[in-house]
C-alpha atoms as a PDB file:
ATOM      1  CA  MET A   1      16.167  10.825 -23.101  1.00  0.00           C
ATOM      2  CA  SER A   2      19.654  10.791 -21.716  1.00  0.00           C
ATOM      3  CA  ARG A   3      20.606   7.862 -19.558  1.00  0.00           C
ATOM      4  CA  LEU A   4      22.325  10.291 -17.184  1.00  0.00           C
ATOM      5  CA  ASP A   5      19.156  12.047 -16.177  1.00  0.00           C
ATOM      6  CA  PRO A   6      17.647  11.378 -12.649  1.00  0.00           C
ATOM      7  CA  SER A   7      15.061   8.826 -13.762  1.00  0.00           C
ATOM      8  CA  TRP A   8      17.797   6.614 -15.360  1.00  0.00           C
ATOM      9  CA  ARG A   9      20.126   7.025 -12.345  1.00  0.00           C
ATOM     10  CA  MET A  10      17.189   5.836 -10.164  1.00  0.00           C
ATOM     11  CA  TYR A  11      16.735   2.810 -12.428  1.00  0.00           C
ATOM     12  CA  TYR A  12      20.393   1.803 -12.078  1.00  0.00           C
ATOM     13  CA  LEU A  13      20.250   2.354  -8.312  1.00  0.00           C
ATOM     14  CA  TYR A  14      17.275  -0.030  -8.091  1.00  0.00           C
ATOM     15  CA  ARG A  15      19.050  -2.601 -10.153  1.00  0.00           C
ATOM     16  CA  LEU A  16      22.044  -2.285  -7.850  1.00  0.00           C
ATOM     17  CA  GLY A  17      19.794  -2.792  -4.809  1.00  0.00           C
ATOM     18  CA  GLY A  18      18.131  -5.775  -6.539  1.00  0.00           C
ATOM     19  CA  ALA A  19      21.567  -7.437  -7.088  1.00  0.00           C
ATOM     20  CA  LEU A  20      22.855  -6.774  -3.524  1.00  0.00           C
ATOM     21  CA  ALA A  21      19.898  -7.072  -1.214  1.00  0.00           C
ATOM     22  CA  PRO A  22      19.299 -10.876  -1.589  1.00  0.00           C
ATOM     23  CA  HIS A  23      22.851 -11.437  -0.214  1.00  0.00           C
ATOM     24  CA  LEU A  24      22.521  -9.330   2.849  1.00  0.00           C
ATOM     25  CA  SER A  25      21.883 -10.930   6.251  1.00  0.00           C
ATOM     26  CA  PRO A  26      18.860  -9.742   8.313  1.00  0.00           C
ATOM     27  CA  THR A  27      21.164  -7.902  10.655  1.00  0.00           C
ATOM     28  CA  LEU A  28      22.943  -6.086   7.879  1.00  0.00           C
ATOM     29  CA  THR A  29      19.701  -5.313   6.115  1.00  0.00           C
ATOM     30  CA  GLU A  30      18.253  -3.754   9.178  1.00  0.00           C
ATOM     31  CA  ALA A  31      21.365  -1.707   9.778  1.00  0.00           C
ATOM     32  CA  LEU A  32      21.432  -0.504   6.183  1.00  0.00           C
ATOM     33  CA  ALA A  33      17.763   0.438   6.237  1.00  0.00           C
ATOM     34  CA  SER A  34      18.204   2.328   9.447  1.00  0.00           C
ATOM     35  CA  ARG A  35      21.280   4.273   8.209  1.00  0.00           C
ATOM     36  CA  LEU A  36      19.878   5.013   4.793  1.00  0.00           C
ATOM     37  CA  GLY A  37      16.479   5.984   6.315  1.00  0.00           C
ATOM     38  CA  ASN A  38      18.197   8.419   8.634  1.00  0.00           C
ATOM     39  CA  LEU A  39      20.148   9.899   5.735  1.00  0.00           C
ATOM     40  CA  LEU A  40      16.945  10.292   3.700  1.00  0.00           C
ATOM     41  CA  TYR A  41      15.289  12.018   6.603  1.00  0.00           C
ATOM     42  CA  ARG A  42      18.029  14.616   6.637  1.00  0.00           C
ATOM     43  CA  LEU A  43      18.491  15.030   2.855  1.00  0.00           C
ATOM     44  CA  ASP A  44      14.881  14.861   1.611  1.00  0.00           C
ATOM     45  CA  ALA A  45      13.637  18.008   3.192  1.00  0.00           C
ATOM     46  CA  ARG A  46      10.399  18.053   1.091  1.00  0.00           C
ATOM     47  CA  GLY A  47       9.610  14.450   1.640  1.00  0.00           C
ATOM     48  CA  SER A  48      10.210  14.792   5.373  1.00  0.00           C
ATOM     49  CA  GLU A  49       7.916  17.790   5.607  1.00  0.00           C
ATOM     50  CA  ASN A  50       5.135  15.892   3.733  1.00  0.00           C
ATOM     51  CA  ILE A  51       5.434  12.971   6.187  1.00  0.00           C
ATOM     52  CA  ARG A  52       5.619  15.462   9.084  1.00  0.00           C
ATOM     53  CA  ASP A  53       2.282  17.033   8.117  1.00  0.00           C
ATOM     54  CA  ASN A  54       0.620  13.551   7.908  1.00  0.00           C
ATOM     55  CA  MET A  55       2.102  12.484  11.265  1.00  0.00           C
ATOM     56  CA  ARG A  56       0.706  15.662  12.936  1.00  0.00           C
ATOM     57  CA  HIS A  57      -2.853  14.517  11.981  1.00  0.00           C
ATOM     58  CA  VAL A  58      -2.238  10.899  12.901  1.00  0.00           C
ATOM     59  CA  LEU A  59      -0.575  11.469  16.253  1.00  0.00           C
ATOM     60  CA  GLY A  60      -2.776  14.402  17.181  1.00  0.00           C
ATOM     61  CA  SER A  61      -2.345  17.855  18.764  1.00  0.00           C
ATOM     62  CA  THR A  62      -0.949  16.390  21.981  1.00  0.00           C
ATOM     63  CA  ALA A  63       2.051  14.770  20.323  1.00  0.00           C
ATOM     64  CA  SER A  64       5.334  16.437  21.155  1.00  0.00           C
ATOM     65  CA  GLY A  65       7.791  17.607  18.418  1.00  0.00           C
ATOM     66  CA  ASP A  66      10.218  14.878  19.307  1.00  0.00           C
ATOM     67  CA  ARG A  67       7.493  12.208  18.922  1.00  0.00           C
ATOM     68  CA  ILE A  68       6.586  13.573  15.534  1.00  0.00           C
ATOM     69  CA  GLU A  69      10.249  13.657  14.396  1.00  0.00           C
ATOM     70  CA  ASP A  70      10.739  10.095  15.561  1.00  0.00           C
ATOM     71  CA  ALA A  71       7.784   9.049  13.494  1.00  0.00           C
ATOM     72  CA  VAL A  72       9.038  10.778  10.408  1.00  0.00           C
ATOM     73  CA  ARG A  73      12.417   9.085  10.719  1.00  0.00           C
ATOM     74  CA  GLY A  74      10.627   5.790  11.297  1.00  0.00           C
ATOM     75  CA  VAL A  75       8.658   6.248   8.061  1.00  0.00           C
ATOM     76  CA  HIS A  76      11.826   6.790   6.051  1.00  0.00           C
ATOM     77  CA  ARG A  77      13.398   3.680   7.614  1.00  0.00           C
ATOM     78  CA  ASN A  78      10.345   1.633   6.730  1.00  0.00           C
ATOM     79  CA  LEU A  79      10.389   2.864   3.241  1.00  0.00           C
ATOM     80  CA  LEU A  80      13.935   1.503   2.827  1.00  0.00           C
ATOM     81  CA  ARG A  81      12.981  -1.690   4.568  1.00  0.00           C
ATOM     82  CA  ASN A  82      10.139  -2.119   2.048  1.00  0.00           C
ATOM     83  CA  TYR A  83      12.379  -1.727  -0.931  1.00  0.00           C
ATOM     84  CA  LEU A  84      14.958  -4.158   0.374  1.00  0.00           C
ATOM     85  CA  ASP A  85      12.241  -6.710   1.027  1.00  0.00           C
ATOM     86  CA  LEU A  86      10.885  -6.132  -2.508  1.00  0.00           C
ATOM     87  CA  PHE A  87      14.357  -6.874  -3.978  1.00  0.00           C
ATOM     88  CA  ARG A  88      14.348 -10.231  -2.148  1.00  0.00           C
ATOM     89  CA  ILE A  89      10.965 -11.505  -3.288  1.00  0.00           C
ATOM     90  CA  PRO A  90      12.328 -13.565  -6.245  1.00  0.00           C
ATOM     91  CA  THR A  91      14.528 -15.492  -3.775  1.00  0.00           C
ATOM     92  CA  LEU A  92      11.594 -16.692  -1.644  1.00  0.00           C
ATOM     93  CA  SER A  93       9.664 -19.870  -2.148  1.00  0.00           C
ATOM     94  CA  PRO A  94       5.889 -20.060  -1.572  1.00  0.00           C
ATOM     95  CA  ASP A  95       6.512 -22.144   1.639  1.00  0.00           C
ATOM     96  CA  LEU A  96       8.973 -19.654   3.026  1.00  0.00           C
ATOM     97  CA  LEU A  97       6.621 -16.719   2.197  1.00  0.00           C
ATOM     98  CA  ARG A  98       3.768 -18.553   4.105  1.00  0.00           C
ATOM     99  CA  ALA A  99       6.087 -19.067   7.031  1.00  0.00           C
ATOM    100  CA  ARG A 100       6.990 -15.403   7.208  1.00  0.00           C
ATOM    101  CA  VAL A 101       3.500 -13.971   6.807  1.00  0.00           C
ATOM    102  CA  ALA A 102       0.791 -14.650   9.339  1.00  0.00           C
ATOM    103  CA  VAL A 103      -2.649 -13.866   7.970  1.00  0.00           C
ATOM    104  CA  GLU A 104      -5.617 -13.007  10.097  1.00  0.00           C
ATOM    105  CA  GLY A 105      -8.908 -13.115   8.271  1.00  0.00           C
ATOM    106  CA  MET A 106      -7.992 -14.990   5.109  1.00  0.00           C
ATOM    107  CA  ASP A 107     -11.081 -17.144   5.848  1.00  0.00           C
ATOM    108  CA  ILE A 108     -13.178 -13.988   5.517  1.00  0.00           C
ATOM    109  CA  ALA A 109     -11.765 -13.270   2.054  1.00  0.00           C
ATOM    110  CA  LEU A 110     -12.111 -16.890   0.911  1.00  0.00           C
ATOM    111  CA  ASP A 111     -15.699 -16.963   2.113  1.00  0.00           C
ATOM    112  CA  ALA A 112     -16.429 -13.746   0.155  1.00  0.00           C
ATOM    113  CA  LEU A 113     -14.971 -15.336  -2.930  1.00  0.00           C
ATOM    114  CA  THR A 114     -17.414 -18.178  -2.766  1.00  0.00           C
ATOM    115  CA  LEU A 115     -20.193 -15.635  -3.705  1.00  0.00           C
ATOM    116  CA  GLY A 116     -18.800 -15.740  -7.279  1.00  0.00           C
ATOM    117  CA  ARG A 117     -18.504 -12.041  -7.654  1.00  0.00           C
ATOM    118  CA  GLY A 118     -14.832 -11.691  -7.130  1.00  0.00           C
ATOM    119  CA  LEU A 119     -13.181  -9.676  -4.379  1.00  0.00           C
ATOM    120  CA  VAL A 120     -12.118  -6.087  -4.174  1.00  0.00           C
ATOM    121  CA  GLY A 121      -9.103  -6.018  -1.923  1.00  0.00           C
ATOM    122  CA  GLY A 122      -8.270  -2.563  -0.734  1.00  0.00           C
ATOM    123  CA  SER A 123      -4.950  -1.785   0.914  1.00  0.00           C
ATOM    124  CA  ALA A 124      -2.974   1.282   1.935  1.00  0.00           C
ATOM    125  CA  HIS A 125       0.655   2.485   1.879  1.00  0.00           C
ATOM    126  CA  PHE A 126       1.113   0.746   5.170  1.00  0.00           C
ATOM    127  CA  GLY A 127       3.500  -1.966   6.454  1.00  0.00           C
ATOM    128  CA  ASN A 128       4.662  -3.543   3.243  1.00  0.00           C
ATOM    129  CA  PRO A 129       1.712  -3.405   0.753  1.00  0.00           C
ATOM    130  CA  ASP A 130       3.353  -5.843  -1.595  1.00  0.00           C
ATOM    131  CA  THR A 131       3.052  -8.527   1.067  1.00  0.00           C
ATOM    132  CA  VAL A 132      -0.759  -8.551   0.913  1.00  0.00           C
ATOM    133  CA  GLY A 133      -0.687  -9.424  -2.764  1.00  0.00           C
ATOM    134  CA  GLN A 134       1.880 -12.178  -2.212  1.00  0.00           C
ATOM    135  CA  ALA A 135      -0.152 -13.690   0.580  1.00  0.00           C
ATOM    136  CA  PHE A 136      -3.175 -13.964  -1.717  1.00  0.00           C
ATOM    137  CA  ALA A 137      -1.106 -15.354  -4.562  1.00  0.00           C
ATOM    138  CA  VAL A 138       0.377 -18.257  -2.525  1.00  0.00           C
ATOM    139  CA  GLN A 139      -3.155 -19.152  -1.554  1.00  0.00           C
ATOM    140  CA  GLY A 140      -4.009 -19.626  -5.229  1.00  0.00           C
ATOM    141  CA  HIS A 141      -5.708 -16.239  -5.658  1.00  0.00           C
ATOM    142  CA  PRO A 142      -3.388 -13.973  -7.664  1.00  0.00           C
ATOM    143  CA  VAL A 143      -4.219 -10.226  -7.480  1.00  0.00           C
ATOM    144  CA  LEU A 144      -4.687  -7.913 -10.381  1.00  0.00           C
ATOM    145  CA  ALA A 145      -3.794  -4.329  -9.399  1.00  0.00           C
ATOM    146  CA  PRO A 146      -3.018  -0.933 -10.968  1.00  0.00           C
ATOM    147  CA  ALA A 147       0.485   0.340 -10.215  1.00  0.00           C
ATOM    148  CA  GLU A 148       2.113   3.802 -10.607  1.00  0.00           C
ATOM    149  CA  HIS A 149       3.637   4.000 -14.067  1.00  0.00           C
ATOM    150  CA  VAL A 150       7.092   5.095 -12.988  1.00  0.00           C
ATOM    151  CA  ARG A 151       9.663   6.158 -15.549  1.00  0.00           C
ATOM    152  CA  PRO A 152      11.821   5.188 -17.309  1.00  0.00           C
ATOM    153  CA  GLU A 153       9.887   2.245 -18.683  1.00  0.00           C
ATOM    154  CA  PRO A 154      12.607  -0.315 -17.798  1.00  0.00           C
ATOM    155  CA  LEU A 155      12.147   0.664 -14.144  1.00  0.00           C
ATOM    156  CA  PHE A 156       8.434   0.064 -14.224  1.00  0.00           C
ATOM    157  CA  VAL A 157       8.992  -3.217 -16.022  1.00  0.00           C
ATOM    158  CA  TYR A 158      11.661  -4.315 -13.432  1.00  0.00           C
ATOM    159  CA  LEU A 159       9.465  -3.375 -10.358  1.00  0.00           C
ATOM    160  CA  ARG A 160       6.452  -5.203 -11.960  1.00  0.00           C
ATOM    161  CA  ARG A 161       8.477  -8.224 -12.596  1.00  0.00           C
ATOM    162  CA  LEU A 162       9.478  -8.348  -8.822  1.00  0.00           C
ATOM    163  CA  ARG A 163       5.969  -7.969  -7.656  1.00  0.00           C
ATOM    164  CA  GLU A 164       4.681 -10.533 -10.131  1.00  0.00           C
ATOM    165  CA  THR A 165       7.002 -13.358  -8.703  1.00  0.00           C
ATOM    166  CA  PHE A 166       4.155 -15.420  -7.247  1.00  0.00           C
ATOM    167  CA  GLY A 167       1.610 -14.846 -10.099  1.00  0.00           C
ATOM    168  CA  ASN A 168       0.187 -11.388  -9.286  1.00  0.00           C
ATOM    169  CA  ARG A 169      -0.322  -8.964 -12.235  1.00  0.00           C
ATOM    170  CA  TYR A 170       0.243  -5.251 -12.206  1.00  0.00           C
ATOM    171  CA  ILE A 171      -0.963  -2.908 -14.860  1.00  0.00           C
ATOM    172  CA  PRO A 172      -0.203   0.772 -15.455  1.00  0.00           C
ATOM    173  CA  VAL A 173      -2.613   3.006 -13.534  1.00  0.00           C
ATOM    174  CA  ASP A 174      -2.675   5.395 -16.424  1.00  0.00           C
ATOM    175  CA  GLY A 175      -3.807   2.739 -18.839  1.00  0.00           C
ATOM    176  CA  PRO A 176      -7.232   1.055 -19.522  1.00  0.00           C
ATOM    177  CA  LEU A 177      -8.561  -0.476 -16.322  1.00  0.00           C
ATOM    178  CA  VAL A 178     -11.524  -2.401 -17.823  1.00  0.00           C
ATOM    179  CA  CYS A 179      -9.611  -5.646 -17.088  1.00  0.00           C
ATOM    180  CA  LEU A 180     -10.255  -5.060 -13.419  1.00  0.00           C
ATOM    181  CA  ILE A 181     -14.022  -5.457 -13.884  1.00  0.00           C
ATOM    182  CA  ARG A 182     -13.317  -8.499 -16.071  1.00  0.00           C
ATOM    183  CA  ARG A 183     -11.245 -10.112 -13.354  1.00  0.00           C
ATOM    184  CA  LEU A 184     -14.183  -9.673 -10.867  1.00  0.00           C
ATOM    185  CA  LYS A 185     -16.612 -11.218 -13.353  1.00  0.00           C
ATOM    186  CA  GLU A 186     -14.242 -14.156 -13.572  1.00  0.00           C
ATOM    187  CA  GLY A 187     -14.381 -14.449  -9.723  1.00  0.00           C
ATOM    188  CA  GLY A 188     -10.885 -13.189  -9.103  1.00  0.00           C
ATOM    189  CA  VAL A 189      -9.218 -10.646  -6.830  1.00  0.00           C
ATOM    190  CA  ILE A 190      -8.332  -7.096  -7.616  1.00  0.00           C
ATOM    191  CA  GLY A 191      -6.261  -4.745  -5.432  1.00  0.00           C
ATOM    192  CA  LEU A 192      -6.773  -0.969  -5.093  1.00  0.00           C
ATOM    193  CA  ALA A 193      -5.316   1.751  -2.917  1.00  0.00           C
ATOM    194  CA  LEU A 194      -7.485   3.202  -0.303  1.00  0.00           C
ATOM    195  CA  ASP A 195      -5.411   6.105   1.013  1.00  0.00           C
ATOM    196  CA  ARG A 196      -3.999   7.990  -1.956  1.00  0.00           C
ATOM    197  CA  ASP A 197      -6.105   9.978  -4.379  1.00  0.00           C
ATOM    198  CA  PRO A 198      -3.631  11.545  -6.887  1.00  0.00           C
ATOM    199  CA  THR A 199      -6.326  12.604  -9.332  1.00  0.00           C
ATOM    200  CA  GLY A 200      -8.528  14.374  -6.754  1.00  0.00           C
ATOM    201  CA  SER A 201     -11.471  12.453  -8.090  1.00  0.00           C
ATOM    202  CA  GLY A 202     -12.320  10.837  -4.783  1.00  0.00           C
ATOM    203  CA  VAL A 203     -14.544  12.096  -2.028  1.00  0.00           C
ATOM    204  CA  VAL A 204     -13.988  14.228   1.137  1.00  0.00           C
ATOM    205  CA  VAL A 205     -14.399  12.384   4.406  1.00  0.00           C
ATOM    206  CA  ASP A 206     -13.301  12.864   7.968  1.00  0.00           C
ATOM    207  CA  PHE A 207      -9.943  11.206   8.518  1.00  0.00           C
ATOM    208  CA  PHE A 208      -8.177  11.410  11.777  1.00  0.00           C
ATOM    209  CA  GLY A 209     -10.447  14.334  12.682  1.00  0.00           C
ATOM    210  CA  ALA A 210      -9.979  16.460   9.575  1.00  0.00           C
ATOM    211  CA  PRO A 211     -11.396  16.473   5.998  1.00  0.00           C
ATOM    212  CA  ALA A 212      -9.302  14.548   3.525  1.00  0.00           C
ATOM    213  CA  HIS A 213      -9.716  13.463  -0.071  1.00  0.00           C
ATOM    214  CA  LEU A 214      -9.622   9.620  -0.212  1.00  0.00           C
ATOM    215  CA  PRO A 215     -10.055   7.560  -3.350  1.00  0.00           C
ATOM    216  CA  ASP A 216     -13.469   6.042  -3.945  1.00  0.00           C
ATOM    217  CA  GLY A 217     -12.567   3.594  -6.646  1.00  0.00           C
ATOM    218  CA  ALA A 218     -12.671   0.496  -4.516  1.00  0.00           C
ATOM    219  CA  VAL A 219     -16.026   1.372  -3.041  1.00  0.00           C
ATOM    220  CA  ARG A 220     -17.565   2.396  -6.488  1.00  0.00           C
ATOM    221  CA  ILE A 221     -16.342  -0.814  -8.135  1.00  0.00           C
ATOM    222  CA  ALA A 222     -17.661  -2.954  -5.200  1.00  0.00           C
ATOM    223  CA  LEU A 223     -21.026  -1.242  -5.309  1.00  0.00           C
ATOM    224  CA  SER A 224     -21.453  -1.441  -9.115  1.00  0.00           C
ATOM    225  CA  THR A 225     -20.349  -5.077  -9.435  1.00  0.00           C
ATOM    226  CA  GLY A 226     -21.695  -6.503  -6.214  1.00  0.00           C
ATOM    227  CA  ALA A 227     -18.249  -7.740  -5.256  1.00  0.00           C
ATOM    228  CA  PRO A 228     -17.378  -7.864  -1.514  1.00  0.00           C
ATOM    229  CA  LEU A 229     -14.866  -5.353  -0.223  1.00  0.00           C
ATOM    230  CA  CYS A 230     -12.135  -6.231   2.151  1.00  0.00           C
ATOM    231  CA  VAL A 231      -9.493  -3.882   3.736  1.00  0.00           C
ATOM    232  CA  CYS A 232      -6.136  -5.675   3.885  1.00  0.00           C
ATOM    233  CA  LEU A 233      -3.397  -4.165   5.940  1.00  0.00           C
ATOM    234  CA  THR A 234       0.107  -5.525   6.540  1.00  0.00           C
ATOM    235  CA  TYR A 235       2.021  -4.962   9.781  1.00  0.00           C
ATOM    236  CA  ARG A 236       5.836  -5.321   9.899  1.00  0.00           C
ATOM    237  CA  LEU A 237       6.916  -7.295  12.943  1.00  0.00           C
ATOM    238  CA  ALA A 238       9.857  -6.135  14.974  1.00  0.00           C
ATOM    239  CA  GLN A 239      10.824  -9.744  15.571  1.00  0.00           C
ATOM    240  CA  PRO A 240      11.613 -11.977  13.800  1.00  0.00           C
ATOM    241  CA  ARG A 241      13.091  -9.728  11.092  1.00  0.00           C
ATOM    242  CA  GLY A 242      11.395  -9.946   7.740  1.00  0.00           C
ATOM    243  CA  HIS A 243       8.123 -11.309   9.133  1.00  0.00           C
ATOM    244  CA  TYR A 244       4.643  -9.772   8.741  1.00  0.00           C
ATOM    245  CA  ARG A 245       1.101  -9.995  10.063  1.00  0.00           C
ATOM    246  CA  VAL A 246      -1.705  -9.324   7.548  1.00  0.00           C
ATOM    247  CA  HIS A 247      -5.105  -8.286   8.864  1.00  0.00           C
ATOM    248  CA  ILE A 248      -8.154  -8.664   6.580  1.00  0.00           C
ATOM    249  CA  GLU A 249     -11.461  -7.025   7.456  1.00  0.00           C
ATOM    250  CA  ARG A 250     -14.584  -7.005   5.409  1.00  0.00           C
ATOM    251  CA  VAL A 251     -16.511  -3.766   4.940  1.00  0.00           C
ATOM    252  CA  ASP A 252     -20.275  -4.290   4.494  1.00  0.00           C
ATOM    253  CA  LEU A 253     -21.393  -1.466   2.188  1.00  0.00           C
ATOM    254  CA  ALA A 254     -24.868  -0.019   2.125  1.00  0.00           C
ATOM    255  CA  ARG A 255     -26.617  -0.466  -1.257  1.00  0.00           C
ATOM    256  CA  THR A 256     -29.567   1.930  -1.525  1.00  0.00           C
ATOM    257  CA  SER A 257     -31.147   3.855  -4.345  1.00  0.00           C
ATOM    258  CA  ASN A 258     -28.767   6.811  -3.627  1.00  0.00           C
ATOM    259  CA  ARG A 259     -25.479   5.719  -5.017  1.00  0.00           C
ATOM    260  CA  LYS A 260     -23.728   8.955  -4.258  1.00  0.00           C
ATOM    261  CA  ALA A 261     -24.596   8.638  -0.609  1.00  0.00           C
ATOM    262  CA  ASP A 262     -23.582   4.965  -0.675  1.00  0.00           C
ATOM    263  CA  VAL A 263     -20.084   5.807  -2.024  1.00  0.00           C
ATOM    264  CA  LEU A 264     -19.592   8.513   0.591  1.00  0.00           C
ATOM    265  CA  ALA A 265     -20.729   6.200   3.449  1.00  0.00           C
ATOM    266  CA  GLY A 266     -18.559   3.410   2.135  1.00  0.00           C
ATOM    267  CA  VAL A 267     -15.432   5.544   1.865  1.00  0.00           C
ATOM    268  CA  ALA A 268     -16.130   6.782   5.427  1.00  0.00           C
ATOM    269  CA  GLN A 269     -16.358   3.147   6.667  1.00  0.00           C
ATOM    270  CA  VAL A 270     -13.001   2.421   5.042  1.00  0.00           C
ATOM    271  CA  ALA A 271     -11.504   5.517   6.644  1.00  0.00           C
ATOM    272  CA  ARG A 272     -12.545   4.197  10.069  1.00  0.00           C
ATOM    273  CA  VAL A 273     -10.775   0.862   9.369  1.00  0.00           C
ATOM    274  CA  LEU A 274      -7.706   2.649   8.218  1.00  0.00           C
ATOM    275  CA  GLU A 275      -7.585   4.940  11.227  1.00  0.00           C
ATOM    276  CA  ARG A 276      -7.619   1.850  13.500  1.00  0.00           C
ATOM    277  CA  GLY A 277      -4.830   0.227  11.636  1.00  0.00           C
ATOM    278  CA  ILE A 278      -2.577   3.228  11.155  1.00  0.00           C
ATOM    279  CA  ALA A 279      -2.984   4.227  14.832  1.00  0.00           C
ATOM    280  CA  GLN A 280      -1.395   0.868  15.960  1.00  0.00           C
ATOM    281  CA  ALA A 281       1.934   1.694  14.108  1.00  0.00           C
ATOM    282  CA  PRO A 282       2.036   5.246  12.650  1.00  0.00           C
ATOM    283  CA  GLU A 283       5.638   4.861  11.563  1.00  0.00           C
ATOM    284  CA  GLN A 284       4.483   2.037   9.249  1.00  0.00           C
ATOM    285  CA  TRP A 285       2.269   4.338   7.252  1.00  0.00           C
ATOM    286  CA  VAL A 286       4.750   5.114   4.406  1.00  0.00           C
ATOM    287  CA  MET A 287       2.660   7.834   2.789  1.00  0.00           C
ATOM    288  CA  THR A 288       4.963  10.448   1.455  1.00  0.00           C
ATOM    289  CA  THR A 289       2.166  12.585  -0.034  1.00  0.00           C
ATOM    290  CA  PRO A 290       0.856  15.324   2.245  1.00  0.00           C
ATOM    291  CA  LEU A 291      -2.672  14.021   2.410  1.00  0.00           C
ATOM    292  CA  TRP A 292      -4.434  16.781   4.298  1.00  0.00           C
ATOM    293  CA  ARG A 293      -2.404  19.657   2.816  1.00  0.00           C
ATOM    294  CA  ILE A 294      -3.445  18.475  -0.666  1.00  0.00           C
ATOM    295  CA  SER A 295      -7.029  18.198   0.437  1.00  0.00           C
ATOM    296  CA  GLU A 296      -7.027  21.841   1.621  1.00  0.00           C
ATOM    297  CA  THR A 297      -5.999  23.020  -1.857  1.00  0.00           C
ATOM    298  CA  GLN A 298      -8.684  21.104  -3.704  1.00  0.00           C
ATOM    299  CA  PRO A 299     -12.319  22.321  -4.093  1.00  0.00           C
END
């Protein structure tokens, strides 16, 4: 594969960002994220339309066109902020990370871990998802999670190294995932996405008033292993810059003799939690896949 093709250009762009971002002041970082986000909004027509479709569902039929466009621009800006924050992770100390991330509900997660069955931590493409894993890691509970196997391979390795700074471990989502079950049996924490179902193997539930395919892996694993399930969402704070609030909420799953119904009910419960969280800050839902449009094309 030529090192001039788009995937390799993306790799070198990421490495450039990783070299420069740690040296930027918070003010300059914010200005850069805003300008590049606005540029991405204008140049990435397909991505903007995908986000626009999602925002129409989240904001509802009463939202004006201007409100929807403001949200689409906001998503692009937050995407850039997330990457700039990711590039800076290796420069942070555990104490500095703890100071920048306020966690609501960590006691809920720690209590769930005392059951000895591990913990299924579900999150979404919301706020800065990487922050959730770091918050658990600095508490002494590193997270094992599947990650999109981006190409070229050096890019995947580089992004994984950044995310594993504090001891988390990321494995390719297209590889064997049996180690997730092993981690739960060892009493550890695994992390799974709750809002993107790229394989179409999840279930259809009501999400913001319309049918949507949502992944059911977290619910299925929790039901089959007896591990507790917690939804963990990260909110980016406007001030101070680079600070976050993590909210952890446990989902009590029904366990009956009808596993199919239990899975469907569990995903619906998760959807209600996601709706409440996303509605608080729609621009922080950095989902670039057109969730409902894809659902409409699937049987």
